[in-house]
Amino acid sequence: MITTADFDDISNLNTLINSAYRGELSRKGWTTEADLLDGDLRTDEQSLSRLLKNPSVVILKFVSSDRITGCVYLEKQGSSLYLGMLTVSPTSQAKGIGKKLLNAAEEYGRAQGCESVVMTVISLRYELIEWYERHGYKKNGETKPFPENDRFGKARQPLEFVVLEKRLR
């Protein structure tokens, strides 16, 4: 079931997101960033709380057996919907949860009157970029620098983001 996350979910979201992207548990899935960035944190509870306080932001959560096993961060930015932190528990990956969350995000964007969904993906995440491309996303030619702030992990090599976009209308 996909519903909107609230402040009571922050601790569980934090655990889920960090387990899917960093540390040893993340290596059980295919979304790990552990080989690209040092550190065990992708986010923290303070950051998630700040995000949820923004009226333009919603985090959708996928709940299975009374446990949050997936989530996605969405922020309305003008006529676009920014999508970030699409997360599925490493032990629940390859079961269609990511696709369901992606579809729910696009439905949310349409309901908000958005013309497109945009996201940034680390350019070296070829398998992830290919997954999004199979779901209709395209590189729009734009790149963005990877933040040098190492609060949530220091890059082990030079990194940049590519911008992917999907038109909703």
C-alpha atoms as a PDB file:
ATOM      1  CA  MET A   1       0.000   0.000   0.000  1.00  0.00           C
ATOM      2  CA  ILE A   2       1.303   3.446  -0.902  1.00  0.00           C
ATOM      3  CA  THR A   3       0.401   6.363   1.361  1.00  0.00           C
ATOM      4  CA  THR A   4       1.871   9.711   2.374  1.00  0.00           C
ATOM      5  CA  ALA A   5       4.562   9.625   5.054  1.00  0.00           C
ATOM      6  CA  ASP A   6       4.336  11.900   8.073  1.00  0.00           C
ATOM      7  CA  PHE A   7       6.584  12.952  10.950  1.00  0.00           C
ATOM      8  CA  ASP A   8       5.890   9.693  12.822  1.00  0.00           C
ATOM      9  CA  ASP A   9       7.595   7.824   9.956  1.00  0.00           C
ATOM     10  CA  ILE A  10      10.874   9.747  10.025  1.00  0.00           C
ATOM     11  CA  SER A  11      12.883   7.235  12.065  1.00  0.00           C
ATOM     12  CA  ASN A  12      11.782   4.310   9.885  1.00  0.00           C
ATOM     13  CA  LEU A  13      12.375   6.292   6.668  1.00  0.00           C
ATOM     14  CA  ASN A  14      15.858   7.245   7.846  1.00  0.00           C
ATOM     15  CA  THR A  15      16.747   3.618   8.567  1.00  0.00           C
ATOM     16  CA  LEU A  16      15.316   2.456   5.244  1.00  0.00           C
ATOM     17  CA  ILE A  17      17.043   5.086   3.096  1.00  0.00           C
ATOM     18  CA  ASN A  18      20.436   4.635   4.712  1.00  0.00           C
ATOM     19  CA  SER A  19      20.220   0.840   4.508  1.00  0.00           C
ATOM     20  CA  ALA A  20      19.415   0.939   0.790  1.00  0.00           C
ATOM     21  CA  TYR A  21      22.211   3.292  -0.251  1.00  0.00           C
ATOM     22  CA  ARG A  22      25.081   2.945   2.219  1.00  0.00           C
ATOM     23  CA  GLY A  23      26.795   0.406   4.435  1.00  0.00           C
ATOM     24  CA  GLU A  24      27.035  -3.359   4.161  1.00  0.00           C
ATOM     25  CA  LEU A  25      23.268  -4.039   4.047  1.00  0.00           C
ATOM     26  CA  SER A  26      23.014  -1.859   0.926  1.00  0.00           C
ATOM     27  CA  ARG A  27      25.250  -4.333  -0.928  1.00  0.00           C
ATOM     28  CA  LYS A  28      22.398  -6.888  -0.828  1.00  0.00           C
ATOM     29  CA  GLY A  29      20.515  -4.691  -3.309  1.00  0.00           C
ATOM     30  CA  TRP A  30      21.479  -3.048  -6.562  1.00  0.00           C
ATOM     31  CA  THR A  31      20.969   0.588  -5.487  1.00  0.00           C
ATOM     32  CA  THR A  32      24.028   0.851  -3.267  1.00  0.00           C
ATOM     33  CA  GLU A  33      26.282   3.893  -3.410  1.00  0.00           C
ATOM     34  CA  ALA A  34      28.750   2.288  -0.989  1.00  0.00           C
ATOM     35  CA  ASP A  35      31.438   1.952  -3.665  1.00  0.00           C
ATOM     36  CA  LEU A  36      31.110   5.589  -4.732  1.00  0.00           C
ATOM     37  CA  LEU A  37      30.909   7.389  -1.385  1.00  0.00           C
ATOM     38  CA  ASP A  38      32.458   6.895   2.032  1.00  0.00           C
ATOM     39  CA  GLY A  39      30.206   6.978   5.071  1.00  0.00           C
ATOM     40  CA  ASP A  40      27.107   5.163   6.234  1.00  0.00           C
ATOM     41  CA  LEU A  41      24.580   8.007   5.940  1.00  0.00           C
ATOM     42  CA  ARG A  42      22.610   9.142   2.905  1.00  0.00           C
ATOM     43  CA  THR A  43      20.361  11.278   5.111  1.00  0.00           C
ATOM     44  CA  ASP A  44      19.444  11.824   8.747  1.00  0.00           C
ATOM     45  CA  GLU A  45      16.301  12.433  10.779  1.00  0.00           C
ATOM     46  CA  GLN A  46      16.874  16.203  10.959  1.00  0.00           C
ATOM     47  CA  SER A  47      17.100  16.468   7.177  1.00  0.00           C
ATOM     48  CA  LEU A  48      13.982  14.358   6.671  1.00  0.00           C
ATOM     49  CA  SER A  49      12.091  16.466   9.186  1.00  0.00           C
ATOM     50  CA  ARG A  50      13.138  19.661   7.354  1.00  0.00           C
ATOM     51  CA  LEU A  51      11.975  18.181   4.061  1.00  0.00           C
ATOM     52  CA  LEU A  52       8.564  17.238   5.445  1.00  0.00           C
ATOM     53  CA  LYS A  53       8.071  20.752   6.826  1.00  0.00           C
ATOM     54  CA  ASN A  54       8.232  22.139   3.283  1.00  0.00           C
ATOM     55  CA  PRO A  55       4.657  22.516   1.945  1.00  0.00           C
ATOM     56  CA  SER A  56       5.906  21.684  -1.581  1.00  0.00           C
ATOM     57  CA  VAL A  57       7.229  18.294  -0.433  1.00  0.00           C
ATOM     58  CA  VAL A  58       5.616  14.918   0.027  1.00  0.00           C
ATOM     59  CA  ILE A  59       7.238  11.578   0.740  1.00  0.00           C
ATOM     60  CA  LEU A  60       5.275   8.565  -0.420  1.00  0.00           C
ATOM     61  CA  LYS A  61       5.844   5.330   1.468  1.00  0.00           C
ATOM     62  CA  PHE A  62       5.241   1.725   0.469  1.00  0.00           C
ATOM     63  CA  VAL A  63       4.071  -0.366   3.421  1.00  0.00           C
ATOM     64  CA  SER A  64       4.138  -4.148   3.393  1.00  0.00           C
ATOM     65  CA  SER A  65       3.366  -6.303   6.450  1.00  0.00           C
ATOM     66  CA  ASP A  66       3.195  -3.160   8.632  1.00  0.00           C
ATOM     67  CA  ARG A  67       6.734  -2.186   7.609  1.00  0.00           C
ATOM     68  CA  ILE A  68       7.916   0.628   5.352  1.00  0.00           C
ATOM     69  CA  THR A  69       9.835  -1.138   2.587  1.00  0.00           C
ATOM     70  CA  GLY A  70       9.986   1.708   0.075  1.00  0.00           C
ATOM     71  CA  CYS A  71       9.653   5.467  -0.287  1.00  0.00           C
ATOM     72  CA  VAL A  72      10.122   8.336  -2.711  1.00  0.00           C
ATOM     73  CA  TYR A  73      10.716  12.050  -2.129  1.00  0.00           C
ATOM     74  CA  LEU A  74       8.683  14.442  -4.300  1.00  0.00           C
ATOM     75  CA  GLU A  75       8.912  18.228  -4.486  1.00  0.00           C
ATOM     76  CA  LYS A  76       6.768  20.422  -6.705  1.00  0.00           C
ATOM     77  CA  GLN A  77       9.035  22.947  -8.415  1.00  0.00           C
ATOM     78  CA  GLY A  78       6.973  25.176 -10.671  1.00  0.00           C
ATOM     79  CA  SER A  79       5.512  23.044 -13.444  1.00  0.00           C
ATOM     80  CA  SER A  80       7.850  20.126 -12.660  1.00  0.00           C
ATOM     81  CA  LEU A  81       7.921  17.490  -9.962  1.00  0.00           C
ATOM     82  CA  TYR A  82      11.385  16.725  -8.620  1.00  0.00           C
ATOM     83  CA  LEU A  83      11.807  13.059  -7.704  1.00  0.00           C
ATOM     84  CA  GLY A  84      14.524  11.928  -5.327  1.00  0.00           C
ATOM     85  CA  MET A  85      15.474   9.159  -2.934  1.00  0.00           C
ATOM     86  CA  LEU A  86      13.434   6.468  -4.646  1.00  0.00           C
ATOM     87  CA  THR A  87      14.233   3.761  -2.130  1.00  0.00           C
ATOM     88  CA  VAL A  88      13.419   0.087  -1.743  1.00  0.00           C
ATOM     89  CA  SER A  89      14.763  -2.053   1.080  1.00  0.00           C
ATOM     90  CA  PRO A  90      17.700  -4.140  -0.210  1.00  0.00           C
ATOM     91  CA  THR A  91      15.908  -7.323   0.881  1.00  0.00           C
ATOM     92  CA  SER A  92      12.732  -6.317  -0.992  1.00  0.00           C
ATOM     93  CA  GLN A  93      14.246  -5.197  -4.294  1.00  0.00           C
ATOM     94  CA  ALA A  94      13.307  -6.740  -7.664  1.00  0.00           C
ATOM     95  CA  LYS A  95       9.692  -7.269  -6.549  1.00  0.00           C
ATOM     96  CA  GLY A  96       8.098  -4.327  -8.361  1.00  0.00           C
ATOM     97  CA  ILE A  97       8.016  -1.922  -5.401  1.00  0.00           C
ATOM     98  CA  GLY A  98      10.204   0.674  -7.124  1.00  0.00           C
ATOM     99  CA  LYS A  99       8.028   0.590 -10.220  1.00  0.00           C
ATOM    100  CA  LYS A 100       4.883   1.024  -8.089  1.00  0.00           C
ATOM    101  CA  LEU A 101       6.425   3.995  -6.291  1.00  0.00           C
ATOM    102  CA  LEU A 102       7.551   5.514  -9.607  1.00  0.00           C
ATOM    103  CA  ASN A 103       4.028   5.144 -11.035  1.00  0.00           C
ATOM    104  CA  ALA A 104       2.520   6.654  -7.869  1.00  0.00           C
ATOM    105  CA  ALA A 105       4.946   9.585  -8.117  1.00  0.00           C
ATOM    106  CA  GLU A 106       3.915  10.228 -11.712  1.00  0.00           C
ATOM    107  CA  GLU A 107       0.223  10.041 -10.787  1.00  0.00           C
ATOM    108  CA  TYR A 108       0.875  12.510  -7.966  1.00  0.00           C
ATOM    109  CA  GLY A 109       2.635  14.833 -10.429  1.00  0.00           C
ATOM    110  CA  ARG A 110      -0.294  14.717 -12.835  1.00  0.00           C
ATOM    111  CA  ALA A 111      -2.724  15.427  -9.981  1.00  0.00           C
ATOM    112  CA  GLN A 112      -0.601  18.453  -9.046  1.00  0.00           C
ATOM    113  CA  GLY A 113      -0.739  19.750 -12.628  1.00  0.00           C
ATOM    114  CA  CYS A 114       2.938  19.090 -13.309  1.00  0.00           C
ATOM    115  CA  GLU A 115       4.134  18.832 -16.886  1.00  0.00           C
ATOM    116  CA  SER A 116       7.161  16.676 -16.156  1.00  0.00           C
ATOM    117  CA  VAL A 117       9.070  14.697 -13.547  1.00  0.00           C
ATOM    118  CA  VAL A 118      12.777  15.508 -13.213  1.00  0.00           C
ATOM    119  CA  MET A 119      15.518  13.873 -11.197  1.00  0.00           C
ATOM    120  CA  THR A 120      19.266  13.806 -10.795  1.00  0.00           C
ATOM    121  CA  VAL A 121      21.212  10.542 -10.844  1.00  0.00           C
ATOM    122  CA  ILE A 122      24.938  10.050 -10.301  1.00  0.00           C
ATOM    123  CA  SER A 123      26.309   9.693 -13.829  1.00  0.00           C
ATOM    124  CA  LEU A 124      28.228   6.511 -12.957  1.00  0.00           C
ATOM    125  CA  ARG A 125      25.026   4.731 -11.891  1.00  0.00           C
ATOM    126  CA  TYR A 126      24.576   3.232 -15.358  1.00  0.00           C
ATOM    127  CA  GLU A 127      22.212   0.431 -14.282  1.00  0.00           C
ATOM    128  CA  LEU A 128      19.974   2.905 -12.450  1.00  0.00           C
ATOM    129  CA  ILE A 129      19.911   5.321 -15.390  1.00  0.00           C
ATOM    130  CA  GLU A 130      18.999   2.416 -17.687  1.00  0.00           C
ATOM    131  CA  TRP A 131      16.178   1.396 -15.318  1.00  0.00           C
ATOM    132  CA  TYR A 132      14.707   4.907 -15.460  1.00  0.00           C
ATOM    133  CA  GLU A 133      15.122   5.013 -19.239  1.00  0.00           C
ATOM    134  CA  ARG A 134      13.118   1.769 -19.519  1.00  0.00           C
ATOM    135  CA  HIS A 135      10.356   3.637 -17.660  1.00  0.00           C
ATOM    136  CA  GLY A 136      10.275   6.559 -20.086  1.00  0.00           C
ATOM    137  CA  TYR A 137      12.857   8.935 -18.588  1.00  0.00           C
ATOM    138  CA  LYS A 138      15.407  10.586 -20.838  1.00  0.00           C
ATOM    139  CA  LYS A 139      18.620  12.484 -20.235  1.00  0.00           C
ATOM    140  CA  ASN A 140      17.821  16.105 -20.986  1.00  0.00           C
ATOM    141  CA  GLY A 141      21.459  17.028 -21.690  1.00  0.00           C
ATOM    142  CA  GLU A 142      21.923  18.830 -18.383  1.00  0.00           C
ATOM    143  CA  THR A 143      24.496  17.861 -15.752  1.00  0.00           C
ATOM    144  CA  LYS A 144      24.932  19.176 -12.234  1.00  0.00           C
ATOM    145  CA  PRO A 145      27.964  19.111  -9.974  1.00  0.00           C
ATOM    146  CA  PHE A 146      28.016  16.624  -7.125  1.00  0.00           C
ATOM    147  CA  PRO A 147      28.046  18.533  -3.822  1.00  0.00           C
ATOM    148  CA  GLU A 148      31.443  18.742  -2.179  1.00  0.00           C
ATOM    149  CA  ASN A 149      29.781  18.837   1.225  1.00  0.00           C
ATOM    150  CA  ASP A 150      30.846  15.516   2.721  1.00  0.00           C
ATOM    151  CA  ARG A 151      28.225  15.537   5.485  1.00  0.00           C
ATOM    152  CA  PHE A 152      26.598  12.453   3.973  1.00  0.00           C
ATOM    153  CA  GLY A 153      29.677  10.815   2.490  1.00  0.00           C
ATOM    154  CA  LYS A 154      32.797  11.898   0.716  1.00  0.00           C
ATOM    155  CA  ALA A 155      33.062  10.975  -2.956  1.00  0.00           C
ATOM    156  CA  ARG A 156      35.784   8.416  -3.662  1.00  0.00           C
ATOM    157  CA  GLN A 157      36.203   9.833  -7.173  1.00  0.00           C
ATOM    158  CA  PRO A 158      34.948  12.864  -9.108  1.00  0.00           C
ATOM    159  CA  LEU A 159      31.162  12.596  -9.468  1.00  0.00           C
ATOM    160  CA  GLU A 160      28.446  14.526 -11.240  1.00  0.00           C
ATOM    161  CA  PHE A 161      24.714  14.183 -11.739  1.00  0.00           C
ATOM    162  CA  VAL A 162      22.856  13.734 -15.006  1.00  0.00           C
ATOM    163  CA  VAL A 163      19.341  15.129 -15.183  1.00  0.00           C
ATOM    164  CA  LEU A 164      16.593  12.770 -16.310  1.00  0.00           C
ATOM    165  CA  GLU A 165      13.140  13.938 -17.299  1.00  0.00           C
ATOM    166  CA  LYS A 166       9.812  12.432 -18.280  1.00  0.00           C
ATOM    167  CA  ARG A 167       6.989  14.460 -19.770  1.00  0.00           C
ATOM    168  CA  LEU A 168       3.638  13.809 -18.091  1.00  0.00           C
ATOM    169  CA  ARG A 169       1.471  15.570 -20.677  1.00  0.00           C
END
